[in-house]
C-alpha cells in the first residue's frame, strides 16, 4: 500500500473540497434556472478550471448535443487541482497546518484565480469591441469596383475603374479560349513621349495537365516559380519581361488546372518612351499603381465550378 504524506493528502483534499463547493454552486444554479444549466456549468468550468485551456483536449464527438471536450474539460481541471494540491502539500510537508487554514487558503486561491481569469477575459473582450475597425484593402478598394460574372457561371471577379472590354491580342501569352479581356490606358503620368497600358485576360484550354504549365519562350520554357492561393484555388505563377523599340512589357501568367481544363489569368503592363526628359519618380509611381490594380483584379477572381 502506497503511503501518502499527510501534508500532501491534506492539501489535495482541501482543493477537492473547494471543487465540491464549486459543483454544489453549479447544481444550485441548475436547480434555480434549468434553462441555463448547460451555460452555467460550461462557462463556470471555463473560468474555474482556466489553466486547463492550455491542455489540448480531444473532441470525440457529441453526447447529448454537447461536445465530449466539454465533459472532459472539468475532469482535466480537477486533475490539475489535485496535482497543484500535491505540490503545495509537498512544499509544506515540514509545516503543520490546520485543516481549516488549508481549506480557506484553497478557497482563496481557486476562487480568486477564477475571478482574475473572468476579469481578464472581460477586459480583453471590452478592448476588442471598443477597438475601432480598421477597413481592409478589400473593403476600401475592391468593394467599390464593378462585379463581373461569367455568363457560363464559371467564375466571377471585380473590374477596376477605367478598364474596358477589348479584343486586343495583348498580352501575348494566353490560352485559345478567351473568356474576358480588359484594357486601360489610364495612368497618373502621361507626358507626350510616354504611354502606358494595362491588359487583363482570362482564358482556358481543354487538355492534359502536363501541357498546362509550359510556356515556350524562344526555345526555352518559362518556369512557373511561384504560387498563390486566390479564393480557394492554388495558381502557379510565371513572370516574363519583353522589350523592343522603346517598349517594355511585364507579363504575369497565373495558371491552374481544374476538371480537365487549364485556366490562365494573364496580366500585362506595357509602357513606351524614348526615355528622354522623363520624370522617373512620376513614371515609377504610375507603373506601381498599375501593377497594384492588376494584382488586385487577380485577387478578386473566384471560381464557381
C-alpha atoms as a PDB file:
ATOM      1  CA  UNK A   1       0.000   0.000   0.000  1.00  0.00           C
ATOM      2  CA  UNK A   2       1.390   3.386  -1.035  1.00  0.00           C
ATOM      3  CA  UNK A   3       1.807   5.744   1.883  1.00  0.00           C
ATOM      4  CA  UNK A   4       0.822   9.341   1.128  1.00  0.00           C
ATOM      5  CA  UNK A   5       2.460  12.133   3.034  1.00  0.00           C
ATOM      6  CA  UNK A   6      -0.160  13.618   5.424  1.00  0.00           C
ATOM      7  CA  UNK A   7       0.530  17.169   4.220  1.00  0.00           C
ATOM      8  CA  UNK A   8       0.059  16.121   0.594  1.00  0.00           C
ATOM      9  CA  UNK A   9      -3.191  14.325   1.456  1.00  0.00           C
ATOM     10  CA  UNK A  10      -4.457  17.346   3.396  1.00  0.00           C
ATOM     11  CA  UNK A  11      -3.836  19.855   0.638  1.00  0.00           C
ATOM     12  CA  UNK A  12      -5.192  17.594  -2.119  1.00  0.00           C
ATOM     13  CA  UNK A  13      -8.388  17.033  -0.122  1.00  0.00           C
ATOM     14  CA  UNK A  14      -8.608  20.758   0.648  1.00  0.00           C
ATOM     15  CA  UNK A  15      -8.526  21.645  -3.043  1.00  0.00           C
ATOM     16  CA  UNK A  16     -11.018  18.865  -3.831  1.00  0.00           C
ATOM     17  CA  UNK A  17     -13.292  20.252  -1.102  1.00  0.00           C
ATOM     18  CA  UNK A  18     -13.318  23.589  -2.922  1.00  0.00           C
ATOM     19  CA  UNK A  19     -14.073  21.728  -6.170  1.00  0.00           C
ATOM     20  CA  UNK A  20     -17.019  20.105  -4.407  1.00  0.00           C
ATOM     21  CA  UNK A  21     -18.190  23.550  -3.276  1.00  0.00           C
ATOM     22  CA  UNK A  22     -17.964  24.800  -6.851  1.00  0.00           C
ATOM     23  CA  UNK A  23     -20.100  21.930  -8.154  1.00  0.00           C
ATOM     24  CA  UNK A  24     -22.653  22.489  -5.384  1.00  0.00           C
ATOM     25  CA  UNK A  25     -22.969  26.065  -6.612  1.00  0.00           C
ATOM     26  CA  UNK A  26     -23.345  24.827 -10.190  1.00  0.00           C
ATOM     27  CA  UNK A  27     -26.031  22.355  -9.076  1.00  0.00           C
ATOM     28  CA  UNK A  28     -27.869  25.129  -7.269  1.00  0.00           C
ATOM     29  CA  UNK A  29     -27.718  27.249 -10.430  1.00  0.00           C
ATOM     30  CA  UNK A  30     -29.178  24.375 -12.464  1.00  0.00           C
ATOM     31  CA  UNK A  31     -31.991  23.855  -9.955  1.00  0.00           C
ATOM     32  CA  UNK A  32     -32.867  27.546  -9.808  1.00  0.00           C
ATOM     33  CA  UNK A  33     -32.600  28.056 -13.589  1.00  0.00           C
ATOM     34  CA  UNK A  34     -32.745  24.741 -15.505  1.00  0.00           C
ATOM     35  CA  UNK A  35     -32.822  26.502 -18.887  1.00  0.00           C
ATOM     36  CA  UNK A  36     -29.356  27.989 -18.292  1.00  0.00           C
ATOM     37  CA  UNK A  37     -27.892  24.854 -16.680  1.00  0.00           C
ATOM     38  CA  UNK A  38     -25.646  23.965 -19.638  1.00  0.00           C
ATOM     39  CA  UNK A  39     -24.359  27.523 -19.874  1.00  0.00           C
ATOM     40  CA  UNK A  40     -23.791  27.636 -16.105  1.00  0.00           C
ATOM     41  CA  UNK A  41     -21.550  24.593 -15.919  1.00  0.00           C
ATOM     42  CA  UNK A  42     -19.688  25.136 -19.206  1.00  0.00           C
ATOM     43  CA  UNK A  43     -18.894  28.817 -18.616  1.00  0.00           C
ATOM     44  CA  UNK A  44     -18.320  28.238 -14.902  1.00  0.00           C
ATOM     45  CA  UNK A  45     -15.934  25.386 -15.633  1.00  0.00           C
ATOM     46  CA  UNK A  46     -14.092  27.507 -18.192  1.00  0.00           C
ATOM     47  CA  UNK A  47     -13.198  30.119 -15.582  1.00  0.00           C
ATOM     48  CA  UNK A  48     -12.850  27.846 -12.521  1.00  0.00           C
ATOM     49  CA  UNK A  49     -10.542  25.435 -14.348  1.00  0.00           C
ATOM     50  CA  UNK A  50      -8.974  28.095 -16.601  1.00  0.00           C
ATOM     51  CA  UNK A  51      -5.435  26.570 -16.513  1.00  0.00           C
ATOM     52  CA  UNK A  52      -6.895  23.568 -18.380  1.00  0.00           C
ATOM     53  CA  UNK A  53      -7.371  25.695 -21.502  1.00  0.00           C
ATOM     54  CA  UNK A  54      -3.653  25.233 -22.141  1.00  0.00           C
ATOM     55  CA  UNK A  55      -4.096  21.440 -22.328  1.00  0.00           C
ATOM     56  CA  UNK A  56      -5.154  20.031 -25.745  1.00  0.00           C
ATOM     57  CA  UNK A  57      -8.376  18.134 -25.088  1.00  0.00           C
ATOM     58  CA  UNK A  58      -9.627  15.882 -27.923  1.00  0.00           C
ATOM     59  CA  UNK A  59     -13.187  16.121 -29.154  1.00  0.00           C
ATOM     60  CA  UNK A  60     -14.533  12.582 -29.576  1.00  0.00           C
ATOM     61  CA  UNK A  61     -17.946  13.544 -30.870  1.00  0.00           C
ATOM     62  CA  UNK A  62     -21.039  14.721 -29.047  1.00  0.00           C
ATOM     63  CA  UNK A  63     -23.046  13.384 -26.140  1.00  0.00           C
ATOM     64  CA  UNK A  64     -26.487  14.834 -25.666  1.00  0.00           C
ATOM     65  CA  UNK A  65     -25.687  17.575 -28.157  1.00  0.00           C
ATOM     66  CA  UNK A  66     -22.592  18.618 -26.187  1.00  0.00           C
ATOM     67  CA  UNK A  67     -19.032  18.095 -27.419  1.00  0.00           C
ATOM     68  CA  UNK A  68     -17.165  15.486 -25.386  1.00  0.00           C
ATOM     69  CA  UNK A  69     -14.385  18.030 -24.831  1.00  0.00           C
ATOM     70  CA  UNK A  70     -16.860  19.991 -22.678  1.00  0.00           C
ATOM     71  CA  UNK A  71     -17.250  16.936 -20.426  1.00  0.00           C
ATOM     72  CA  UNK A  72     -13.520  16.202 -20.336  1.00  0.00           C
ATOM     73  CA  UNK A  73     -12.530  19.799 -19.590  1.00  0.00           C
ATOM     74  CA  UNK A  74     -13.670  19.725 -15.893  1.00  0.00           C
ATOM     75  CA  UNK A  75     -12.003  16.334 -15.385  1.00  0.00           C
ATOM     76  CA  UNK A  76      -8.716  17.733 -16.681  1.00  0.00           C
ATOM     77  CA  UNK A  77      -9.198  20.775 -14.434  1.00  0.00           C
ATOM     78  CA  UNK A  78      -9.834  18.624 -11.364  1.00  0.00           C
ATOM     79  CA  UNK A  79      -6.712  16.587 -12.133  1.00  0.00           C
ATOM     80  CA  UNK A  80      -4.714  19.816 -12.322  1.00  0.00           C
ATOM     81  CA  UNK A  81      -6.108  20.898  -8.933  1.00  0.00           C
ATOM     82  CA  UNK A  82      -5.065  17.548  -7.466  1.00  0.00           C
ATOM     83  CA  UNK A  83      -1.556  17.988  -8.835  1.00  0.00           C
ATOM     84  CA  UNK A  84      -1.392  21.542  -7.553  1.00  0.00           C
ATOM     85  CA  UNK A  85      -2.598  20.431  -4.121  1.00  0.00           C
ATOM     86  CA  UNK A  86       0.011  17.677  -4.071  1.00  0.00           C
ATOM     87  CA  UNK A  87       2.718  20.184  -4.978  1.00  0.00           C
ATOM     88  CA  UNK A  88       1.658  22.613  -2.228  1.00  0.00           C
ATOM     89  CA  UNK A  89       1.408  19.762   0.286  1.00  0.00           C
ATOM     90  CA  UNK A  90       4.872  18.528  -0.566  1.00  0.00           C
ATOM     91  CA  UNK A  91       6.328  22.006  -0.241  1.00  0.00           C
ATOM     92  CA  UNK A  92       4.560  22.419   3.150  1.00  0.00           C
ATOM     93  CA  UNK A  93       5.344  18.906   4.390  1.00  0.00           C
ATOM     94  CA  UNK A  94       7.510  20.183   7.247  1.00  0.00           C
ATOM     95  CA  UNK A  95       4.927  22.712   8.421  1.00  0.00           C
ATOM     96  CA  UNK A  96       1.863  21.761  10.458  1.00  0.00           C
ATOM     97  CA  UNK A  97      -1.223  23.478   9.023  1.00  0.00           C
ATOM     98  CA  UNK A  98      -4.731  23.291  10.452  1.00  0.00           C
ATOM     99  CA  UNK A  99      -7.393  21.833   8.154  1.00  0.00           C
ATOM    100  CA  UNK A 100      -9.461  24.993   8.369  1.00  0.00           C
ATOM    101  CA  UNK A 101      -6.487  27.056   7.209  1.00  0.00           C
ATOM    102  CA  UNK A 102      -5.674  24.799   4.233  1.00  0.00           C
ATOM    103  CA  UNK A 103      -9.320  24.842   3.110  1.00  0.00           C
ATOM    104  CA  UNK A 104      -9.574  28.644   3.441  1.00  0.00           C
ATOM    105  CA  UNK A 105      -6.318  29.062   1.522  1.00  0.00           C
ATOM    106  CA  UNK A 106      -7.616  26.699  -1.177  1.00  0.00           C
ATOM    107  CA  UNK A 107     -10.855  28.692  -1.431  1.00  0.00           C
ATOM    108  CA  UNK A 108      -8.954  31.965  -1.761  1.00  0.00           C
ATOM    109  CA  UNK A 109      -6.511  30.593  -4.333  1.00  0.00           C
ATOM    110  CA  UNK A 110      -9.121  28.934  -6.580  1.00  0.00           C
ATOM    111  CA  UNK A 111     -11.901  31.489  -6.391  1.00  0.00           C
ATOM    112  CA  UNK A 112      -9.584  34.483  -6.593  1.00  0.00           C
ATOM    113  CA  UNK A 113      -7.889  32.815  -9.559  1.00  0.00           C
ATOM    114  CA  UNK A 114     -11.282  32.259 -11.208  1.00  0.00           C
ATOM    115  CA  UNK A 115     -12.288  35.870 -10.564  1.00  0.00           C
ATOM    116  CA  UNK A 116      -8.998  37.057 -12.022  1.00  0.00           C
ATOM    117  CA  UNK A 117      -9.452  34.936 -15.160  1.00  0.00           C
ATOM    118  CA  UNK A 118     -13.022  36.208 -15.632  1.00  0.00           C
ATOM    119  CA  UNK A 119     -11.959  39.826 -15.117  1.00  0.00           C
ATOM    120  CA  UNK A 120      -9.063  39.477 -17.562  1.00  0.00           C
ATOM    121  CA  UNK A 121     -11.292  37.955 -20.250  1.00  0.00           C
ATOM    122  CA  UNK A 122     -13.975  40.594 -19.704  1.00  0.00           C
ATOM    123  CA  UNK A 123     -11.496  43.450 -20.077  1.00  0.00           C
ATOM    124  CA  UNK A 124      -9.868  41.808 -23.093  1.00  0.00           C
ATOM    125  CA  UNK A 125     -13.269  41.444 -24.774  1.00  0.00           C
ATOM    126  CA  UNK A 126     -14.115  45.066 -23.980  1.00  0.00           C
ATOM    127  CA  UNK A 127     -10.823  46.146 -25.527  1.00  0.00           C
ATOM    128  CA  UNK A 128     -11.548  44.117 -28.671  1.00  0.00           C
ATOM    129  CA  UNK A 129     -15.060  45.520 -29.005  1.00  0.00           C
ATOM    130  CA  UNK A 130     -14.021  49.113 -28.357  1.00  0.00           C
ATOM    131  CA  UNK A 131     -11.105  48.984 -30.780  1.00  0.00           C
ATOM    132  CA  UNK A 132     -12.142  50.813 -33.968  1.00  0.00           C
ATOM    133  CA  UNK A 133     -12.443  48.651 -37.050  1.00  0.00           C
ATOM    134  CA  UNK A 134      -9.598  49.173 -39.497  1.00  0.00           C
ATOM    135  CA  UNK A 135     -11.006  48.800 -43.013  1.00  0.00           C
ATOM    136  CA  UNK A 136      -9.214  46.222 -45.123  1.00  0.00           C
ATOM    137  CA  UNK A 137      -7.871  46.894 -48.587  1.00  0.00           C
ATOM    138  CA  UNK A 138     -10.724  44.768 -49.941  1.00  0.00           C
ATOM    139  CA  UNK A 139     -13.333  46.880 -48.142  1.00  0.00           C
ATOM    140  CA  UNK A 140     -11.865  50.219 -49.207  1.00  0.00           C
ATOM    141  CA  UNK A 141     -10.934  49.354 -52.793  1.00  0.00           C
ATOM    142  CA  UNK A 142     -12.464  46.204 -54.243  1.00  0.00           C
ATOM    143  CA  UNK A 143     -15.946  46.710 -52.813  1.00  0.00           C
ATOM    144  CA  UNK A 144     -16.440  49.803 -54.995  1.00  0.00           C
ATOM    145  CA  UNK A 145     -15.407  48.027 -58.204  1.00  0.00           C
ATOM    146  CA  UNK A 146     -17.927  46.697 -60.709  1.00  0.00           C
ATOM    147  CA  UNK A 147     -18.671  42.977 -60.463  1.00  0.00           C
ATOM    148  CA  UNK A 148     -18.316  40.671 -63.461  1.00  0.00           C
ATOM    149  CA  UNK A 149     -19.991  37.288 -63.635  1.00  0.00           C
ATOM    150  CA  UNK A 150     -19.069  34.832 -66.362  1.00  0.00           C
ATOM    151  CA  UNK A 151     -22.188  34.166 -68.496  1.00  0.00           C
ATOM    152  CA  UNK A 152     -21.471  30.434 -68.219  1.00  0.00           C
ATOM    153  CA  UNK A 153     -21.302  30.737 -64.429  1.00  0.00           C
ATOM    154  CA  UNK A 154     -17.713  29.509 -64.232  1.00  0.00           C
ATOM    155  CA  UNK A 155     -16.179  32.422 -62.345  1.00  0.00           C
ATOM    156  CA  UNK A 156     -16.637  35.984 -61.168  1.00  0.00           C
ATOM    157  CA  UNK A 157     -14.333  38.883 -60.325  1.00  0.00           C
ATOM    158  CA  UNK A 158     -14.289  42.653 -59.937  1.00  0.00           C
ATOM    159  CA  UNK A 159     -13.199  45.064 -62.659  1.00  0.00           C
ATOM    160  CA  UNK A 160     -11.027  48.052 -61.799  1.00  0.00           C
ATOM    161  CA  UNK A 161     -12.316  51.509 -62.802  1.00  0.00           C
ATOM    162  CA  UNK A 162     -11.145  52.571 -66.253  1.00  0.00           C
ATOM    163  CA  UNK A 163     -10.870  49.005 -67.545  1.00  0.00           C
ATOM    164  CA  UNK A 164     -12.764  48.418 -70.797  1.00  0.00           C
ATOM    165  CA  UNK A 165     -13.546  45.210 -72.664  1.00  0.00           C
ATOM    166  CA  UNK A 166     -11.167  44.607 -75.562  1.00  0.00           C
ATOM    167  CA  UNK A 167     -10.395  42.151 -78.345  1.00  0.00           C
ATOM    168  CA  UNK A 168      -6.730  43.167 -78.333  1.00  0.00           C
ATOM    169  CA  UNK A 169      -4.138  40.464 -78.870  1.00  0.00           C
ATOM    170  CA  UNK A 170      -2.219  41.678 -75.824  1.00  0.00           C
ATOM    171  CA  UNK A 171      -0.894  40.102 -73.720  1.00  0.00           C
ATOM    172  CA  UNK A 172       0.986  37.647 -75.900  1.00  0.00           C
ATOM    173  CA  UNK A 173       0.601  34.712 -73.509  1.00  0.00           C
ATOM    174  CA  UNK A 174      -2.966  33.469 -73.328  1.00  0.00           C
ATOM    175  CA  UNK A 175      -4.804  30.223 -73.970  1.00  0.00           C
ATOM    176  CA  UNK A 176      -7.080  29.698 -77.015  1.00  0.00           C
ATOM    177  CA  UNK A 177     -10.480  30.103 -75.327  1.00  0.00           C
ATOM    178  CA  UNK A 178     -10.534  33.743 -74.180  1.00  0.00           C
ATOM    179  CA  UNK A 179     -13.309  34.308 -71.648  1.00  0.00           C
ATOM    180  CA  UNK A 180     -12.730  38.016 -70.997  1.00  0.00           C
ATOM    181  CA  UNK A 181     -10.170  40.641 -71.925  1.00  0.00           C
ATOM    182  CA  UNK A 182      -9.910  44.142 -70.463  1.00  0.00           C
ATOM    183  CA  UNK A 183      -7.516  47.012 -71.028  1.00  0.00           C
ATOM    184  CA  UNK A 184      -6.913  50.567 -69.886  1.00  0.00           C
ATOM    185  CA  UNK A 185      -4.525  53.370 -70.748  1.00  0.00           C
ATOM    186  CA  UNK A 186      -5.394  55.420 -67.694  1.00  0.00           C
ATOM    187  CA  UNK A 187      -2.260  56.429 -65.810  1.00  0.00           C
ATOM    188  CA  UNK A 188      -1.157  59.142 -63.432  1.00  0.00           C
ATOM    189  CA  UNK A 189       1.782  60.045 -65.683  1.00  0.00           C
ATOM    190  CA  UNK A 190       1.155  60.927 -69.333  1.00  0.00           C
ATOM    191  CA  UNK A 191       3.744  63.232 -70.940  1.00  0.00           C
ATOM    192  CA  UNK A 192       3.899  63.419 -74.719  1.00  0.00           C
ATOM    193  CA  UNK A 193       6.800  60.966 -75.009  1.00  0.00           C
ATOM    194  CA  UNK A 194       5.413  58.347 -72.606  1.00  0.00           C
ATOM    195  CA  UNK A 195       2.498  55.938 -72.919  1.00  0.00           C
ATOM    196  CA  UNK A 196       1.250  53.260 -70.540  1.00  0.00           C
ATOM    197  CA  UNK A 197      -1.318  50.480 -70.954  1.00  0.00           C
ATOM    198  CA  UNK A 198      -2.552  47.540 -68.898  1.00  0.00           C
ATOM    199  CA  UNK A 199      -4.224  44.296 -70.023  1.00  0.00           C
ATOM    200  CA  UNK A 200      -6.099  41.651 -68.081  1.00  0.00           C
ATOM    201  CA  UNK A 201      -7.104  38.434 -69.862  1.00  0.00           C
ATOM    202  CA  UNK A 202      -8.799  35.255 -68.602  1.00  0.00           C
ATOM    203  CA  UNK A 203      -8.541  32.255 -70.910  1.00  0.00           C
ATOM    204  CA  UNK A 204      -8.655  28.471 -70.833  1.00  0.00           C
ATOM    205  CA  UNK A 205      -7.819  25.331 -72.801  1.00  0.00           C
ATOM    206  CA  UNK A 206      -9.031  21.757 -72.559  1.00  0.00           C
ATOM    207  CA  UNK A 207      -6.205  19.274 -72.482  1.00  0.00           C
ATOM    208  CA  UNK A 208      -3.653  17.354 -70.496  1.00  0.00           C
ATOM    209  CA  UNK A 209      -2.296  18.836 -67.285  1.00  0.00           C
ATOM    210  CA  UNK A 210       1.282  18.280 -68.436  1.00  0.00           C
ATOM    211  CA  UNK A 211       0.794  20.957 -71.099  1.00  0.00           C
ATOM    212  CA  UNK A 212      -0.797  23.488 -68.766  1.00  0.00           C
ATOM    213  CA  UNK A 213       2.387  24.670 -67.120  1.00  0.00           C
ATOM    214  CA  UNK A 214       4.544  25.020 -70.218  1.00  0.00           C
ATOM    215  CA  UNK A 215       5.164  28.364 -71.932  1.00  0.00           C
ATOM    216  CA  UNK A 216       7.548  28.229 -74.880  1.00  0.00           C
ATOM    217  CA  UNK A 217       9.809  31.266 -74.859  1.00  0.00           C
ATOM    218  CA  UNK A 218      12.464  31.491 -77.590  1.00  0.00           C
ATOM    219  CA  UNK A 219      13.332  27.824 -77.319  1.00  0.00           C
ATOM    220  CA  UNK A 220      13.423  27.847 -73.513  1.00  0.00           C
ATOM    221  CA  UNK A 221      10.322  27.095 -71.485  1.00  0.00           C
ATOM    222  CA  UNK A 222       9.324  29.738 -68.966  1.00  0.00           C
ATOM    223  CA  UNK A 223       9.215  28.270 -65.477  1.00  0.00           C
ATOM    224  CA  UNK A 224       6.353  28.687 -63.024  1.00  0.00           C
ATOM    225  CA  UNK A 225       8.409  29.531 -59.954  1.00  0.00           C
ATOM    226  CA  UNK A 226       5.779  30.973 -57.619  1.00  0.00           C
ATOM    227  CA  UNK A 227       2.296  30.114 -56.473  1.00  0.00           C
ATOM    228  CA  UNK A 228      -0.610  31.986 -54.902  1.00  0.00           C
ATOM    229  CA  UNK A 229      -3.916  30.909 -53.407  1.00  0.00           C
ATOM    230  CA  UNK A 230      -6.679  33.024 -54.931  1.00  0.00           C
ATOM    231  CA  UNK A 231     -10.060  32.317 -53.419  1.00  0.00           C
ATOM    232  CA  UNK A 232      -9.810  28.620 -52.672  1.00  0.00           C
ATOM    233  CA  UNK A 233      -7.684  27.812 -55.718  1.00  0.00           C
ATOM    234  CA  UNK A 234      -3.904  27.498 -55.936  1.00  0.00           C
ATOM    235  CA  UNK A 235      -2.378  29.089 -59.022  1.00  0.00           C
ATOM    236  CA  UNK A 236       1.149  28.687 -60.393  1.00  0.00           C
ATOM    237  CA  UNK A 237       2.815  31.938 -61.462  1.00  0.00           C
ATOM    238  CA  UNK A 238       5.340  32.724 -64.179  1.00  0.00           C
ATOM    239  CA  UNK A 239       6.896  36.116 -64.880  1.00  0.00           C
ATOM    240  CA  UNK A 240       8.025  37.294 -68.304  1.00  0.00           C
ATOM    241  CA  UNK A 241       9.632  40.540 -69.447  1.00  0.00           C
ATOM    242  CA  UNK A 242       9.996  41.762 -73.012  1.00  0.00           C
ATOM    243  CA  UNK A 243      11.458  44.868 -74.613  1.00  0.00           C
ATOM    244  CA  UNK A 244      11.983  46.372 -78.044  1.00  0.00           C
ATOM    245  CA  UNK A 245      11.978  49.754 -79.805  1.00  0.00           C
ATOM    246  CA  UNK A 246      11.422  51.678 -76.591  1.00  0.00           C
ATOM    247  CA  UNK A 247       8.590  49.369 -75.474  1.00  0.00           C
ATOM    248  CA  UNK A 248       8.654  47.448 -72.203  1.00  0.00           C
ATOM    249  CA  UNK A 249       6.325  44.589 -71.285  1.00  0.00           C
ATOM    250  CA  UNK A 250       5.850  42.993 -67.888  1.00  0.00           C
ATOM    251  CA  UNK A 251       3.776  39.806 -68.003  1.00  0.00           C
ATOM    252  CA  UNK A 252       2.417  37.829 -65.051  1.00  0.00           C
ATOM    253  CA  UNK A 253       0.922  34.473 -66.001  1.00  0.00           C
ATOM    254  CA  UNK A 254      -1.282  32.639 -63.462  1.00  0.00           C
ATOM    255  CA  UNK A 255      -2.316  29.094 -64.335  1.00  0.00           C
ATOM    256  CA  UNK A 256      -4.259  26.330 -62.642  1.00  0.00           C
ATOM    257  CA  UNK A 257      -5.700  23.008 -63.804  1.00  0.00           C
ATOM    258  CA  UNK A 258      -9.288  22.091 -62.914  1.00  0.00           C
ATOM    259  CA  UNK A 259     -11.547  19.318 -64.217  1.00  0.00           C
ATOM    260  CA  UNK A 260      -9.548  18.688 -67.383  1.00  0.00           C
ATOM    261  CA  UNK A 261      -9.165  22.398 -68.195  1.00  0.00           C
ATOM    262  CA  UNK A 262      -6.119  24.640 -67.970  1.00  0.00           C
ATOM    263  CA  UNK A 263      -7.058  28.137 -66.812  1.00  0.00           C
ATOM    264  CA  UNK A 264      -4.953  31.241 -67.212  1.00  0.00           C
ATOM    265  CA  UNK A 265      -5.115  34.774 -65.874  1.00  0.00           C
ATOM    266  CA  UNK A 266      -2.636  36.920 -67.799  1.00  0.00           C
ATOM    267  CA  UNK A 267      -1.779  40.483 -66.847  1.00  0.00           C
ATOM    268  CA  UNK A 268       0.470  42.811 -68.791  1.00  0.00           C
ATOM    269  CA  UNK A 269       1.857  46.240 -68.010  1.00  0.00           C
ATOM    270  CA  UNK A 270       3.170  47.950 -71.164  1.00  0.00           C
ATOM    271  CA  UNK A 271       4.912  51.288 -71.291  1.00  0.00           C
ATOM    272  CA  UNK A 272       6.783  53.018 -74.102  1.00  0.00           C
ATOM    273  CA  UNK A 273       9.009  56.072 -74.377  1.00  0.00           C
ATOM    274  CA  UNK A 274      12.228  57.414 -75.775  1.00  0.00           C
ATOM    275  CA  UNK A 275      13.135  57.853 -72.090  1.00  0.00           C
ATOM    276  CA  UNK A 276      14.461  61.380 -72.521  1.00  0.00           C
ATOM    277  CA  UNK A 277      13.245  64.138 -70.219  1.00  0.00           C
ATOM    278  CA  UNK A 278      11.287  61.565 -68.209  1.00  0.00           C
ATOM    279  CA  UNK A 279      10.316  62.200 -64.612  1.00  0.00           C
ATOM    280  CA  UNK A 280      11.351  58.766 -63.350  1.00  0.00           C
ATOM    281  CA  UNK A 281       9.744  59.251 -59.951  1.00  0.00           C
ATOM    282  CA  UNK A 282       6.354  60.052 -61.505  1.00  0.00           C
ATOM    283  CA  UNK A 283       6.742  57.267 -64.072  1.00  0.00           C
ATOM    284  CA  UNK A 284       7.615  54.670 -61.401  1.00  0.00           C
ATOM    285  CA  UNK A 285       4.669  55.763 -59.242  1.00  0.00           C
ATOM    286  CA  UNK A 286       2.304  55.448 -62.204  1.00  0.00           C
ATOM    287  CA  UNK A 287       3.597  51.965 -63.007  1.00  0.00           C
ATOM    288  CA  UNK A 288       3.359  50.864 -59.364  1.00  0.00           C
ATOM    289  CA  UNK A 289      -0.296  51.923 -59.289  1.00  0.00           C
ATOM    290  CA  UNK A 290      -0.993  49.909 -62.431  1.00  0.00           C
ATOM    291  CA  UNK A 291       0.758  46.822 -61.047  1.00  0.00           C
ATOM    292  CA  UNK A 292      -1.278  47.025 -57.831  1.00  0.00           C
ATOM    293  CA  UNK A 293      -4.508  47.436 -59.793  1.00  0.00           C
ATOM    294  CA  UNK A 294      -3.795  44.364 -61.915  1.00  0.00           C
ATOM    295  CA  UNK A 295      -2.787  42.352 -58.854  1.00  0.00           C
ATOM    296  CA  UNK A 296      -5.994  43.405 -57.087  1.00  0.00           C
ATOM    297  CA  UNK A 297      -8.112  42.284 -60.032  1.00  0.00           C
ATOM    298  CA  UNK A 298      -6.407  38.896 -59.921  1.00  0.00           C
ATOM    299  CA  UNK A 299      -7.075  38.650 -56.177  1.00  0.00           C
ATOM    300  CA  UNK A 300     -10.829  39.183 -56.689  1.00  0.00           C
ATOM    301  CA  UNK A 301     -11.095  36.179 -59.037  1.00  0.00           C
ATOM    302  CA  UNK A 302     -13.291  33.344 -57.732  1.00  0.00           C
ATOM    303  CA  UNK A 303     -14.253  30.079 -59.432  1.00  0.00           C
ATOM    304  CA  UNK A 304     -17.850  28.834 -59.254  1.00  0.00           C
ATOM    305  CA  UNK A 305     -17.061  25.416 -60.705  1.00  0.00           C
END
